[in-house]
PDB file of N, CA and C in Angstrom:
ATOM      1  N   MET A   1     -65.486 -83.058  81.588  1.00  0.00           N
ATOM      2  CA  MET A   1     -65.623 -82.368  82.914  1.00  0.00           C
ATOM      3  C   MET A   1     -67.090 -82.351  83.306  1.00  0.00           C
ATOM      4  N   ALA A   2     -67.416 -82.990  84.444  1.00  0.00           N
ATOM      5  CA  ALA A   2     -68.786 -83.054  84.930  1.00  0.00           C
ATOM      6  C   ALA A   2     -69.145 -81.743  85.610  1.00  0.00           C
ATOM      7  N   VAL A   3     -70.344 -81.285  85.438  1.00  0.00           N
ATOM      8  CA  VAL A   3     -70.887 -80.091  85.988  1.00  0.00           C
ATOM      9  C   VAL A   3     -71.564 -80.514  87.328  1.00  0.00           C
ATOM     10  N   ASP A   4     -71.100 -79.932  88.428  1.00  0.00           N
ATOM     11  CA  ASP A   4     -71.697 -80.238  89.729  1.00  0.00           C
ATOM     12  C   ASP A   4     -72.800 -79.220  90.044  1.00  0.00           C
ATOM     13  N   THR A   5     -74.055 -79.701  90.021  1.00  0.00           N
ATOM     14  CA  THR A   5     -75.183 -78.788  90.185  1.00  0.00           C
ATOM     15  C   THR A   5     -75.291 -78.270  91.625  1.00  0.00           C
ATOM     16  N   ARG A   6     -75.408 -76.964  91.692  1.00  0.00           N
ATOM     17  CA  ARG A   6     -75.678 -76.303  92.988  1.00  0.00           C
ATOM     18  C   ARG A   6     -77.168 -76.088  93.169  1.00  0.00           C
ATOM     19  N   TYR A   7     -77.620 -76.159  94.434  1.00  0.00           N
ATOM     20  CA  TYR A   7     -78.963 -76.077  94.765  1.00  0.00           C
ATOM     21  C   TYR A   7     -79.190 -74.854  95.723  1.00  0.00           C
ATOM     22  N   ARG A   8     -80.351 -74.216  95.540  1.00  0.00           N
ATOM     23  CA  ARG A   8     -80.732 -73.143  96.491  1.00  0.00           C
ATOM     24  C   ARG A   8     -81.661 -73.849  97.479  1.00  0.00           C
ATOM     25  N   VAL A   9     -81.307 -73.721  98.764  1.00  0.00           N
ATOM     26  CA  VAL A   9     -82.022 -74.444  99.835  1.00  0.00           C
ATOM     27  C   VAL A   9     -82.536 -73.453 100.779  1.00  0.00           C
ATOM     28  N   ILE A  10     -83.906 -73.450 101.042  1.00  0.00           N
ATOM     29  CA  ILE A  10     -84.538 -72.602 101.943  1.00  0.00           C
ATOM     30  C   ILE A  10     -85.048 -73.403 103.163  1.00  0.00           C
ATOM     31  N   VAL A  11     -84.529 -73.163 104.292  1.00  0.00           N
ATOM     32  CA  VAL A  11     -84.884 -73.836 105.522  1.00  0.00           C
ATOM     33  C   VAL A  11     -85.700 -72.897 106.396  1.00  0.00           C
ATOM     34  N   ARG A  12     -86.880 -73.382 106.757  1.00  0.00           N
ATOM     35  CA  ARG A  12     -87.784 -72.556 107.640  1.00  0.00           C
ATOM     36  C   ARG A  12     -88.042 -73.353 108.886  1.00  0.00           C
ATOM     37  N   CYS A  13     -87.996 -72.672 109.997  1.00  0.00           N
ATOM     38  CA  CYS A  13     -88.300 -73.230 111.336  1.00  0.00           C
ATOM     39  C   CYS A  13     -89.664 -72.895 111.717  1.00  0.00           C
ATOM     40  N   PRO A  14     -90.611 -73.851 111.854  1.00  0.00           N
ATOM     41  CA  PRO A  14     -91.947 -73.547 112.271  1.00  0.00           C
ATOM     42  C   PRO A  14     -92.027 -73.089 113.752  1.00  0.00           C
ATOM     43  N   GLY A  15     -91.025 -73.426 114.536  1.00  0.00           N
ATOM     44  CA  GLY A  15     -91.041 -73.111 115.961  1.00  0.00           C
ATOM     45  C   GLY A  15     -90.843 -71.603 116.167  1.00  0.00           C
ATOM     46  N   CYS A  16     -89.867 -70.989 115.562  1.00  0.00           N
ATOM     47  CA  CYS A  16     -89.647 -69.599 115.831  1.00  0.00           C
ATOM     48  C   CYS A  16     -89.875 -68.704 114.558  1.00  0.00           C
ATOM     49  N   GLY A  17     -90.054 -69.295 113.394  1.00  0.00           N
ATOM     50  CA  GLY A  17     -90.289 -68.531 112.201  1.00  0.00           C
ATOM     51  C   GLY A  17     -89.040 -68.058 111.457  1.00  0.00           C
ATOM     52  N   GLU A  18     -87.898 -68.488 111.924  1.00  0.00           N
ATOM     53  CA  GLU A  18     -86.651 -68.101 111.266  1.00  0.00           C
ATOM     54  C   GLU A  18     -86.541 -68.767 109.925  1.00  0.00           C
ATOM     55  N   LYS A  19     -85.902 -68.020 108.959  1.00  0.00           N
ATOM     56  CA  LYS A  19     -85.697 -68.533 107.593  1.00  0.00           C
ATOM     57  C   LYS A  19     -84.259 -68.400 107.198  1.00  0.00           C
ATOM     58  N   TYR A  20     -83.730 -69.456 106.541  1.00  0.00           N
ATOM     59  CA  TYR A  20     -82.329 -69.483 106.115  1.00  0.00           C
ATOM     60  C   TYR A  20     -82.317 -69.789 104.673  1.00  0.00           C
ATOM     61  N   VAL A  21     -81.499 -69.037 103.905  1.00  0.00           N
ATOM     62  CA  VAL A  21     -81.347 -69.243 102.464  1.00  0.00           C
ATOM     63  C   VAL A  21     -79.885 -69.692 102.281  1.00  0.00           C
ATOM     64  N   LEU A  22     -79.723 -70.944 101.823  1.00  0.00           N
ATOM     65  CA  LEU A  22     -78.373 -71.533 101.708  1.00  0.00           C
ATOM     66  C   LEU A  22     -78.149 -72.073 100.301  1.00  0.00           C
ATOM     67  N   ARG A  23     -76.907 -72.353  99.979  1.00  0.00           N
ATOM     68  CA  ARG A  23     -76.575 -73.016  98.735  1.00  0.00           C
ATOM     69  C   ARG A  23     -75.926 -74.314  99.104  1.00  0.00           C
ATOM     70  N   GLY A  24     -76.218 -75.413  98.369  1.00  0.00           N
ATOM     71  CA  GLY A  24     -75.623 -76.684  98.665  1.00  0.00           C
ATOM     72  C   GLY A  24     -75.433 -77.515  97.411  1.00  0.00           C
ATOM     73  N   ARG A  25     -74.682 -78.601  97.567  1.00  0.00           N
ATOM     74  CA  ARG A  25     -74.430 -79.585  96.512  1.00  0.00           C
ATOM     75  C   ARG A  25     -74.658 -80.986  97.064  1.00  0.00           C
ATOM     76  N   THR A  26     -74.820 -81.898  96.200  1.00  0.00           N
ATOM     77  CA  THR A  26     -74.999 -83.313  96.597  1.00  0.00           C
ATOM     78  C   THR A  26     -73.614 -83.925  96.822  1.00  0.00           C
ATOM     79  N   ASN A  27     -73.522 -84.761  97.817  1.00  0.00           N
ATOM     80  CA  ASN A  27     -72.216 -85.456  98.077  1.00  0.00           C
ATOM     81  C   ASN A  27     -72.212 -86.807  97.365  1.00  0.00           C
ATOM     82  N   LYS A  28     -71.279 -87.601  97.594  1.00  0.00           N
ATOM     83  CA  LYS A  28     -71.132 -88.902  96.870  1.00  0.00           C
ATOM     84  C   LYS A  28     -72.248 -89.892  97.201  1.00  0.00           C
ATOM     85  N   LYS A  29     -72.829 -89.688  98.381  1.00  0.00           N
ATOM     86  CA  LYS A  29     -73.938 -90.577  98.819  1.00  0.00           C
ATOM     87  C   LYS A  29     -75.322 -90.087  98.269  1.00  0.00           C
ATOM     88  N   GLY A  30     -75.329 -88.925  97.599  1.00  0.00           N
ATOM     89  CA  GLY A  30     -76.590 -88.403  97.057  1.00  0.00           C
ATOM     90  C   GLY A  30     -77.349 -87.533  98.024  1.00  0.00           C
ATOM     91  N   GLU A  31     -76.718 -87.192  99.167  1.00  0.00           N
ATOM     92  CA  GLU A  31     -77.326 -86.357 100.190  1.00  0.00           C
ATOM     93  C   GLU A  31     -76.954 -84.901  99.948  1.00  0.00           C
ATOM     94  N   LEU A  32     -77.851 -84.014 100.278  1.00  0.00           N
ATOM     95  CA  LEU A  32     -77.597 -82.594 100.049  1.00  0.00           C
ATOM     96  C   LEU A  32     -76.706 -81.985 101.208  1.00  0.00           C
ATOM     97  N   GLU A  33     -75.637 -81.336 100.818  1.00  0.00           N
ATOM     98  CA  GLU A  33     -74.647 -80.786 101.865  1.00  0.00           C
ATOM     99  C   GLU A  33     -74.785 -79.316 101.793  1.00  0.00           C
ATOM    100  N   THR A  34     -75.133 -78.690 102.960  1.00  0.00           N
ATOM    101  CA  THR A  34     -75.238 -77.203 103.033  1.00  0.00           C
ATOM    102  C   THR A  34     -74.408 -76.662 104.256  1.00  0.00           C
ATOM    103  N   GLY A  35     -74.147 -77.516 105.185  1.00  0.00           N
ATOM    104  CA  GLY A  35     -73.436 -77.111 106.380  1.00  0.00           C
ATOM    105  C   GLY A  35     -74.405 -76.706 107.513  1.00  0.00           C
ATOM    106  N   PHE A  36     -75.706 -76.725 107.253  1.00  0.00           N
ATOM    107  CA  PHE A  36     -76.749 -76.341 108.217  1.00  0.00           C
ATOM    108  C   PHE A  36     -76.819 -77.380 109.296  1.00  0.00           C
ATOM    109  N   LYS A  37     -76.781 -77.009 110.542  1.00  0.00           N
ATOM    110  CA  LYS A  37     -76.846 -77.937 111.697  1.00  0.00           C
ATOM    111  C   LYS A  37     -78.180 -77.810 112.440  1.00  0.00           C
ATOM    112  N   GLN A  38     -78.477 -76.579 112.906  1.00  0.00           N
ATOM    113  CA  GLN A  38     -79.723 -76.347 113.663  1.00  0.00           C
ATOM    114  C   GLN A  38     -80.075 -74.897 113.610  1.00  0.00           C
ATOM    115  N   CYS A  39     -81.439 -74.602 113.933  1.00  0.00           N
ATOM    116  CA  CYS A  39     -81.911 -73.245 114.024  1.00  0.00           C
ATOM    117  C   CYS A  39     -81.333 -72.573 115.240  1.00  0.00           C
ATOM    118  N   VAL A  40     -81.410 -71.223 115.267  1.00  0.00           N
ATOM    119  CA  VAL A  40     -80.956 -70.490 116.417  1.00  0.00           C
ATOM    120  C   VAL A  40     -81.758 -70.773 117.753  1.00  0.00           C
ATOM    121  N   CYS A  41     -82.991 -71.317 117.524  1.00  0.00           N
ATOM    122  CA  CYS A  41     -83.815 -71.645 118.719  1.00  0.00           C
ATOM    123  C   CYS A  41     -83.506 -73.059 119.225  1.00  0.00           C
ATOM    124  N   GLY A  42     -82.571 -73.751 118.493  1.00  0.00           N
ATOM    125  CA  GLY A  42     -82.200 -75.164 118.980  1.00  0.00           C
ATOM    126  C   GLY A  42     -82.900 -76.204 118.251  1.00  0.00           C
ATOM    127  N   ASN A  43     -83.813 -75.897 117.389  1.00  0.00           N
ATOM    128  CA  ASN A  43     -84.556 -76.901 116.623  1.00  0.00           C
ATOM    129  C   ASN A  43     -83.645 -77.562 115.595  1.00  0.00           C
ATOM    130  N   GLU A  44     -83.513 -78.934 115.645  1.00  0.00           N
ATOM    131  CA  GLU A  44     -82.669 -79.687 114.694  1.00  0.00           C
ATOM    132  C   GLU A  44     -83.516 -80.562 113.707  1.00  0.00           C
ATOM    133  N   SER A  45     -84.730 -80.943 114.145  1.00  0.00           N
ATOM    134  CA  SER A  45     -85.437 -81.975 113.358  1.00  0.00           C
ATOM    135  C   SER A  45     -86.743 -81.531 112.663  1.00  0.00           C
ATOM    136  N   ASN A  46     -87.419 -80.592 113.324  1.00  0.00           N
ATOM    137  CA  ASN A  46     -88.768 -80.200 112.773  1.00  0.00           C
ATOM    138  C   ASN A  46     -88.536 -78.924 111.892  1.00  0.00           C
ATOM    139  N   LEU A  47     -88.005 -79.158 110.670  1.00  0.00           N
ATOM    140  CA  LEU A  47     -87.735 -78.070 109.749  1.00  0.00           C
ATOM    141  C   LEU A  47     -88.409 -78.234 108.451  1.00  0.00           C
ATOM    142  N   ARG A  48     -88.814 -77.217 107.765  1.00  0.00           N
ATOM    143  CA  ARG A  48     -89.349 -77.268 106.444  1.00  0.00           C
ATOM    144  C   ARG A  48     -88.215 -76.873 105.470  1.00  0.00           C
ATOM    145  N   ILE A  49     -87.926 -77.738 104.498  1.00  0.00           N
ATOM    146  CA  ILE A  49     -86.858 -77.543 103.593  1.00  0.00           C
ATOM    147  C   ILE A  49     -87.380 -77.544 102.167  1.00  0.00           C
ATOM    148  N   ASP A  50     -87.070 -76.523 101.418  1.00  0.00           N
ATOM    149  CA  ASP A  50     -87.416 -76.422  99.997  1.00  0.00           C
ATOM    150  C   ASP A  50     -86.061 -76.380  99.198  1.00  0.00           C
ATOM    151  N   VAL A  51     -85.969 -77.182  98.165  1.00  0.00           N
ATOM    152  CA  VAL A  51     -84.742 -77.240  97.332  1.00  0.00           C
ATOM    153  C   VAL A  51     -85.108 -76.976  95.888  1.00  0.00           C
ATOM    154  N   THR A  52     -84.368 -76.084  95.235  1.00  0.00           N
ATOM    155  CA  THR A  52     -84.462 -75.789  93.851  1.00  0.00           C
ATOM    156  C   THR A  52     -83.070 -75.720  93.191  1.00  0.00           C
ATOM    157  N   PRO A  53     -82.909 -76.224  91.991  1.00  0.00           N
ATOM    158  CA  PRO A  53     -81.611 -76.094  91.293  1.00  0.00           C
ATOM    159  C   PRO A  53     -81.330 -74.656  90.964  1.00  0.00           C
ATOM    160  N   GLU A  54     -80.086 -74.231  90.959  1.00  0.00           N
ATOM    161  CA  GLU A  54     -79.711 -72.869  90.571  1.00  0.00           C
ATOM    162  C   GLU A  54     -79.469 -72.849  89.123  1.00  0.00           C
TER     163      GLU A  54
END
């Protein structure tokens, strides 16, 4: 049985200063999946993302 590592993801928006703390896992392509789409201010691309394993 393989252990699927969870990650703690902190997303910060430099535009409005909002901070999101999420949990995510890697998908089959090796990309991190958290379900996060955009900040409340509408920012989708200029985000600071910090990832650490749980």
